[in-house]
N, C-alpha and C. Protein backbone atom coordinates (compact mmCIF):
# COMPACT_ATOMS: atom_id res chain seq x y z
N MET A 1 -28.55 2.53 65.79
CA MET A 1 -29.44 1.87 64.61
C MET A 1 -28.64 0.26 64.58
N ILE A 2 -27.35 0.51 64.65
CA ILE A 2 -26.75 -0.53 64.64
C ILE A 2 -26.18 -1.33 65.53
N SER A 3 -26.98 -2.56 66.13
CA SER A 3 -26.78 -3.20 67.40
C SER A 3 -25.50 -3.63 67.46
N ASP A 4 -24.83 -3.79 68.65
CA ASP A 4 -23.85 -4.76 69.15
C ASP A 4 -24.47 -5.90 70.39
N PHE A 5 -23.28 -6.44 70.84
CA PHE A 5 -23.72 -7.62 71.77
C PHE A 5 -24.21 -7.50 73.17
N ASN A 6 -23.90 -5.44 73.51
CA ASN A 6 -24.25 -5.45 74.56
C ASN A 6 -25.67 -4.85 74.92
N ASP A 7 -26.82 -5.10 73.53
CA ASP A 7 -28.13 -4.74 73.56
C ASP A 7 -28.61 -5.52 74.56
N PRO A 8 -28.92 -5.54 75.86
CA PRO A 8 -29.62 -6.21 77.04
C PRO A 8 -30.93 -7.32 76.28
N GLU A 9 -31.73 -6.46 75.62
CA GLU A 9 -32.74 -7.33 75.03
C GLU A 9 -32.18 -8.15 74.19
N LEU A 10 -31.33 -8.13 73.32
CA LEU A 10 -30.80 -9.06 72.26
C LEU A 10 -29.87 -10.19 72.99
N SER A 11 -29.22 -9.76 73.69
CA SER A 11 -28.54 -10.86 74.96
C SER A 11 -29.65 -12.01 75.61
N GLY A 12 -30.16 -11.26 76.41
CA GLY A 12 -31.11 -12.13 77.11
C GLY A 12 -32.09 -13.07 76.30
N LYS A 13 -32.81 -12.11 75.24
CA LYS A 13 -33.87 -12.90 74.70
C LYS A 13 -33.27 -14.03 73.43
N TYR A 14 -32.33 -13.26 72.80
CA TYR A 14 -32.42 -13.91 71.32
C TYR A 14 -30.87 -14.78 71.25
N LEU A 15 -29.93 -14.06 71.78
CA LEU A 15 -28.70 -14.31 71.33
C LEU A 15 -28.51 -15.68 71.45
N GLY A 16 -28.78 -16.54 72.73
CA GLY A 16 -28.91 -18.08 72.85
C GLY A 16 -29.01 -18.97 71.60
N THR A 17 -30.51 -18.50 71.15
CA THR A 17 -31.15 -19.48 69.66
C THR A 17 -30.74 -18.73 68.47
N ILE A 18 -30.08 -17.62 68.63
CA ILE A 18 -29.45 -17.46 67.11
C ILE A 18 -28.08 -18.15 67.34
N THR A 19 -27.61 -17.96 68.39
CA THR A 19 -25.88 -18.71 68.44
C THR A 19 -26.07 -20.16 68.09
N LYS A 20 -27.29 -21.01 68.65
CA LYS A 20 -27.20 -22.27 68.56
C LYS A 20 -27.48 -22.52 67.03
N ASP A 21 -28.57 -21.77 66.28
CA ASP A 21 -28.60 -22.22 64.80
C ASP A 21 -27.51 -21.72 63.74
N PHE A 22 -26.69 -20.67 64.28
CA PHE A 22 -25.73 -20.10 63.57
C PHE A 22 -24.54 -21.00 63.61
N VAL A 23 -24.16 -21.98 64.61
CA VAL A 23 -23.14 -23.14 64.47
C VAL A 23 -23.59 -24.25 63.46
N LYS A 24 -24.71 -24.27 63.45
CA LYS A 24 -25.32 -25.35 62.21
C LYS A 24 -24.94 -24.77 60.85
N ILE A 25 -25.43 -23.47 60.60
CA ILE A 25 -25.31 -22.76 59.26
C ILE A 25 -24.41 -21.91 58.73
N SER A 26 -23.46 -21.76 59.84
CA SER A 26 -22.48 -20.52 59.38
C SER A 26 -21.66 -20.49 58.35
N ASP A 27 -21.37 -22.08 57.90
CA ASP A 27 -20.55 -22.15 56.42
C ASP A 27 -21.49 -21.85 55.37
N ILE A 28 -22.87 -22.07 55.31
CA ILE A 28 -24.14 -21.79 54.13
C ILE A 28 -24.18 -20.35 54.12
N LEU A 29 -24.25 -19.48 55.47
CA LEU A 29 -24.37 -18.12 55.38
C LEU A 29 -23.22 -17.37 54.61
N LYS A 30 -21.90 -18.02 54.84
CA LYS A 30 -20.65 -17.43 54.96
C LYS A 30 -20.61 -17.65 53.20
N GLU A 31 -20.99 -18.56 52.55
CA GLU A 31 -20.65 -19.05 51.27
C GLU A 31 -21.71 -18.29 50.58
N ALA A 32 -23.16 -18.09 51.20
CA ALA A 32 -23.88 -17.21 50.39
C ALA A 32 -23.66 -15.72 50.54
N SER A 33 -23.16 -15.03 51.36
CA SER A 33 -22.62 -13.63 51.51
C SER A 33 -21.30 -13.72 50.47
N TYR A 34 -20.37 -14.25 50.50
CA TYR A 34 -19.49 -14.58 49.27
C TYR A 34 -19.87 -14.59 47.88
N GLN A 35 -21.03 -15.49 47.82
CA GLN A 35 -21.74 -15.50 46.12
C GLN A 35 -22.48 -14.12 45.93
N VAL A 36 -23.03 -13.14 46.87
CA VAL A 36 -23.70 -12.17 46.73
C VAL A 36 -22.59 -10.97 46.55
N ARG A 37 -21.57 -11.04 47.27
CA ARG A 37 -20.39 -10.45 47.07
C ARG A 37 -19.64 -10.56 45.47
N SER A 38 -19.36 -11.89 45.19
CA SER A 38 -18.48 -12.01 44.16
C SER A 38 -19.54 -11.82 42.73
N ARG A 39 -20.90 -12.05 42.67
CA ARG A 39 -21.55 -12.07 41.56
C ARG A 39 -21.90 -10.51 41.57
N LYS A 40 -21.31 -9.58 42.25
CA LYS A 40 -21.10 -8.08 42.35
C LYS A 40 -23.32 -7.52 42.53
N PHE A 41 -23.65 -8.37 43.03
CA PHE A 41 -24.75 -7.93 43.34
C PHE A 41 -24.85 -6.87 44.60
N SER A 42 -24.38 -7.12 45.50
CA SER A 42 -23.71 -6.18 46.59
C SER A 42 -22.71 -6.32 47.26
N ASP A 43 -22.06 -5.46 47.76
CA ASP A 43 -20.92 -5.36 49.00
C ASP A 43 -21.49 -5.89 50.46
N PHE A 44 -22.97 -5.63 50.45
CA PHE A 44 -23.64 -5.38 52.00
C PHE A 44 -24.87 -6.80 51.91
N PRO A 45 -24.43 -7.54 52.08
CA PRO A 45 -25.19 -8.67 52.12
C PRO A 45 -25.96 -8.90 53.59
N ILE A 46 -27.42 -8.87 53.84
CA ILE A 46 -27.70 -8.83 54.88
C ILE A 46 -28.73 -10.31 55.07
N PHE A 47 -28.90 -10.63 56.17
CA PHE A 47 -29.78 -11.86 56.33
C PHE A 47 -30.65 -11.83 57.34
N PRO A 48 -31.69 -11.50 56.85
CA PRO A 48 -33.06 -11.04 57.80
C PRO A 48 -33.65 -12.32 58.20
N ILE A 49 -33.85 -12.65 60.00
CA ILE A 49 -34.07 -13.57 60.40
C ILE A 49 -35.31 -13.69 61.17
N SER A 50 -36.00 -14.36 60.98
CA SER A 50 -37.52 -14.24 61.93
C SER A 50 -38.22 -15.63 62.43
N LYS A 51 -38.82 -15.79 63.18
CA LYS A 51 -39.74 -17.13 63.50
C LYS A 51 -40.92 -17.25 62.47
N GLU A 52 -41.61 -16.05 62.04
CA GLU A 52 -42.55 -16.18 61.07
C GLU A 52 -42.11 -16.00 59.63
N ILE A 53 -43.10 -16.36 58.90
CA ILE A 53 -42.76 -15.89 57.66
C ILE A 53 -42.80 -14.32 57.32
N GLN A 54 -41.76 -13.60 56.60
CA GLN A 54 -41.82 -12.23 56.15
C GLN A 54 -41.29 -11.88 54.99
N PRO A 55 -41.51 -10.44 54.53
CA PRO A 55 -41.88 -10.05 53.25
C PRO A 55 -39.94 -9.70 52.55
N ILE A 56 -38.98 -9.92 53.83
CA ILE A 56 -37.62 -8.74 53.14
C ILE A 56 -37.07 -10.26 52.71
N GLY A 57 -36.38 -9.98 51.74
CA GLY A 57 -35.24 -10.93 50.93
C GLY A 57 -36.06 -12.37 50.63
N GLN A 58 -35.39 -13.15 49.99
CA GLN A 58 -35.63 -14.09 49.83
C GLN A 58 -35.45 -15.56 50.82
N LEU A 59 -36.19 -16.45 50.90
CA LEU A 59 -36.11 -17.53 52.14
C LEU A 59 -34.95 -18.53 51.56
N LEU A 60 -33.80 -18.47 52.39
CA LEU A 60 -32.70 -19.26 52.12
C LEU A 60 -32.35 -20.16 52.69
N LEU A 61 -32.94 -20.60 54.33
CA LEU A 61 -33.35 -21.63 54.85
C LEU A 61 -34.20 -21.74 56.01
N GLY A 62 -35.12 -22.55 55.34
CA GLY A 62 -36.72 -22.48 56.61
C GLY A 62 -36.27 -23.10 57.82
N LYS A 63 -36.79 -23.01 58.98
CA LYS A 63 -36.41 -23.50 60.01
C LYS A 63 -36.88 -24.79 60.38
N GLU A 64 -37.88 -24.90 59.80
CA GLU A 64 -38.45 -26.41 59.55
C GLU A 64 -37.56 -27.51 58.68
N ASP A 65 -36.89 -26.74 57.67
CA ASP A 65 -35.94 -27.57 56.91
C ASP A 65 -34.87 -27.86 57.19
N LYS A 66 -34.25 -27.48 58.33
CA LYS A 66 -33.08 -27.66 58.99
C LYS A 66 -33.16 -27.66 60.49
N ASN A 67 -34.01 -27.91 61.14
CA ASN A 67 -34.49 -27.77 62.51
C ASN A 67 -33.69 -26.83 63.20
N LEU A 68 -34.50 -25.69 63.10
CA LEU A 68 -33.79 -24.27 63.55
C LEU A 68 -34.87 -23.48 64.40
N ASP A 69 -34.06 -22.69 64.76
CA ASP A 69 -35.05 -21.63 65.65
C ASP A 69 -35.80 -20.54 64.64
N TRP A 70 -35.00 -20.51 63.67
CA TRP A 70 -35.43 -19.13 62.86
C TRP A 70 -35.24 -19.36 61.65
N ASN A 71 -36.07 -18.65 60.70
CA ASN A 71 -36.12 -18.54 59.33
C ASN A 71 -34.96 -17.66 58.92
N TYR A 72 -33.96 -18.22 57.76
CA TYR A 72 -32.92 -17.32 57.40
C TYR A 72 -33.32 -16.80 56.12
N TYR A 73 -33.23 -15.31 55.63
CA TYR A 73 -33.65 -15.12 54.40
C TYR A 73 -32.26 -14.21 53.91
N ILE A 74 -31.95 -14.19 52.60
CA ILE A 74 -31.02 -13.44 52.37
C ILE A 74 -31.28 -12.17 51.51
N THR A 75 -30.68 -11.17 51.58
CA THR A 75 -31.27 -9.58 50.96
C THR A 75 -29.66 -8.70 50.83
N TYR A 76 -30.10 -7.84 50.64
CA TYR A 76 -28.91 -6.95 50.47
C TYR A 76 -29.58 -5.34 50.92
N VAL A 77 -28.30 -4.43 50.81
CA VAL A 77 -28.76 -3.09 51.40
C VAL A 77 -29.95 -2.80 50.90
N ASP A 78 -29.78 -2.61 49.28
CA ASP A 78 -30.92 -1.98 48.51
C ASP A 78 -31.66 -1.93 48.79
N GLU A 79 -32.62 -3.25 49.40
CA GLU A 79 -33.82 -3.71 49.35
C GLU A 79 -34.11 -2.95 50.92
N PHE A 80 -33.38 -2.66 51.74
CA PHE A 80 -33.45 -2.22 53.06
C PHE A 80 -33.78 -0.52 52.89
N VAL A 81 -33.19 0.08 51.84
CA VAL A 81 -33.23 1.43 51.57
C VAL A 81 -34.42 1.55 50.57
N GLN A 82 -34.65 0.54 49.95
CA GLN A 82 -36.15 0.76 48.82
C GLN A 82 -37.74 0.56 49.97
N ARG A 83 -37.12 0.06 51.04
CA ARG A 83 -38.00 -0.16 51.28
C ARG A 83 -38.44 0.73 52.90
N LYS A 84 -37.26 1.88 52.77
CA LYS A 84 -37.29 2.75 54.20
C LYS A 84 -36.90 2.11 55.27
N LEU A 85 -36.07 0.96 55.09
CA LEU A 85 -35.77 0.75 56.51
C LEU A 85 -34.70 1.26 57.01
N ILE A 86 -34.00 1.53 55.88
CA ILE A 86 -32.51 2.39 56.05
C ILE A 86 -32.79 3.78 55.15
N ALA A 87 -32.97 4.54 55.96
CA ALA A 87 -33.36 5.87 55.10
C ALA A 87 -32.09 6.39 54.70
N ASP A 88 -32.17 7.11 53.22
CA ASP A 88 -31.16 7.21 52.18
C ASP A 88 -29.86 8.00 52.96
N GLU A 89 -30.36 9.10 53.79
CA GLU A 89 -29.47 9.73 54.22
C GLU A 89 -28.44 8.84 55.22
N LEU A 90 -28.96 7.92 55.90
CA LEU A 90 -28.54 6.82 56.67
C LEU A 90 -27.61 5.80 56.17
N LEU A 91 -27.55 5.94 54.75
CA LEU A 91 -26.92 4.49 53.80
C LEU A 91 -25.54 4.75 54.57
N GLU A 92 -24.84 6.02 54.49
CA GLU A 92 -23.35 5.94 54.65
C GLU A 92 -23.04 5.42 55.73
N ASP A 93 -23.88 5.86 56.76
CA ASP A 93 -23.07 5.53 58.30
C ASP A 93 -23.41 4.02 58.44
N PHE A 94 -24.73 3.48 57.51
CA PHE A 94 -24.85 2.16 57.36
C PHE A 94 -23.74 1.30 56.96
N GLN A 95 -23.22 1.79 55.73
CA GLN A 95 -21.79 1.19 55.21
C GLN A 95 -20.91 1.31 56.25
N LYS A 96 -20.47 2.33 56.46
CA LYS A 96 -19.09 2.40 57.35
C LYS A 96 -19.40 1.34 58.89
N ALA A 97 -20.33 1.45 59.27
CA ALA A 97 -20.48 0.41 60.53
C ALA A 97 -20.92 -1.06 59.91
N TYR A 98 -20.79 -1.21 58.53
CA TYR A 98 -21.05 -2.63 58.61
C TYR A 98 -19.49 -3.70 58.78
N LYS A 99 -19.56 -4.47 59.14
CA LYS A 99 -18.21 -4.99 59.31
C LYS A 99 -17.87 -6.05 58.04
N ASN A 100 -16.96 -6.50 58.00
CA ASN A 100 -15.85 -7.54 57.09
C ASN A 100 -17.04 -8.25 57.05
N PRO A 101 -17.49 -8.60 55.57
CA PRO A 101 -18.37 -9.70 55.46
C PRO A 101 -17.53 -11.15 55.32
N ASP A 102 -16.33 -11.34 55.20
CA ASP A 102 -15.61 -12.27 55.14
C ASP A 102 -15.59 -12.77 56.73
N GLU A 103 -15.74 -11.92 57.50
CA GLU A 103 -15.54 -12.32 58.92
C GLU A 103 -16.35 -12.34 59.68
N PHE A 104 -17.55 -11.75 59.78
CA PHE A 104 -18.83 -11.18 60.15
C PHE A 104 -20.16 -11.43 59.15
N CYS A 105 -21.05 -12.19 59.65
CA CYS A 105 -22.61 -12.48 59.24
C CYS A 105 -23.40 -10.91 59.63
N CYS A 106 -23.97 -10.56 58.74
CA CYS A 106 -24.67 -9.22 59.08
C CYS A 106 -26.07 -9.88 59.22
N LEU A 107 -26.76 -10.10 60.50
CA LEU A 107 -28.10 -10.60 60.73
C LEU A 107 -29.17 -9.34 60.85
N PHE A 108 -30.36 -9.59 60.73
CA PHE A 108 -31.55 -8.30 60.85
C PHE A 108 -32.46 -9.12 61.59
N VAL A 109 -32.29 -9.39 62.66
CA VAL A 109 -33.55 -9.65 63.95
C VAL A 109 -34.92 -9.31 63.91
N MET A 110 -35.64 -10.19 63.31
CA MET A 110 -37.44 -9.53 63.57
C MET A 110 -37.81 -10.33 64.41
N ASP A 111 -38.61 -10.02 65.38
CA ASP A 111 -39.60 -10.74 66.12
C ASP A 111 -40.59 -9.75 66.76
N GLY A 112 -41.52 -9.56 66.29
CA GLY A 112 -42.63 -8.71 66.87
C GLY A 112 -42.29 -7.53 66.42
N VAL A 113 -42.22 -6.48 67.46
CA VAL A 113 -42.02 -5.14 67.59
C VAL A 113 -40.30 -4.84 67.44
N PHE A 114 -39.91 -6.18 67.89
CA PHE A 114 -38.17 -6.15 68.11
C PHE A 114 -37.30 -6.21 66.75
N THR A 115 -36.53 -5.45 66.53
CA THR A 115 -35.76 -5.47 64.83
C THR A 115 -34.69 -5.09 65.28
N SER A 116 -33.25 -5.57 65.05
CA SER A 116 -32.07 -4.88 65.75
C SER A 116 -31.12 -5.88 64.46
N PHE A 117 -29.97 -4.57 63.57
CA PHE A 117 -28.97 -5.30 63.09
C PHE A 117 -28.30 -5.96 64.12
N VAL A 118 -27.63 -7.27 64.00
CA VAL A 118 -26.52 -7.86 64.84
C VAL A 118 -25.43 -8.64 63.93
N TYR A 119 -23.99 -8.41 64.43
CA TYR A 119 -22.87 -9.05 63.57
C TYR A 119 -22.51 -10.24 64.51
N ILE A 120 -22.74 -11.35 63.59
CA ILE A 120 -22.00 -12.44 64.61
C ILE A 120 -20.72 -13.12 63.89
N PRO A 121 -19.67 -13.26 64.56
CA PRO A 121 -18.32 -13.76 63.92
C PRO A 121 -18.49 -15.13 63.33
N TYR A 122 -18.29 -15.55 62.11
CA TYR A 122 -18.12 -16.69 61.56
C TYR A 122 -16.82 -17.41 62.22
N PRO A 123 -17.09 -18.76 62.69
CA PRO A 123 -16.26 -19.74 63.34
C PRO A 123 -14.94 -19.62 62.40
N GLU A 124 -13.78 -19.57 63.50
CA GLU A 124 -12.61 -19.61 62.46
C GLU A 124 -12.35 -21.06 61.85
N ASP A 125 -11.85 -21.41 60.54
CA ASP A 125 -11.58 -22.33 59.71
C ASP A 125 -10.71 -23.49 60.53
């Protein structure tokens, strides 16, 4: 369920454009993640990304606004459970696999039928 960087479809088709975007906006995503956690909304912020408008989360950065390849949304694990994207019985597995949000950004890549969680390390300050 949780993807890593070895997913060949992710690496080949998506990682380049995601990385190109991420360099431009990682500070914004890191701050948004910090705000979600510090305001006690959730310990598990998730950034759904897609090239099309989609219903999960709230739009944080539109691709046209920032000259990006992807639209970036913000939500947290509760919405994934409510929408049955993460089954109740798998929530604990997700939480154990979730990487340190001070060091990694949790993206949920959506492109047609392809969906995958991916963790991208924030650049070192």
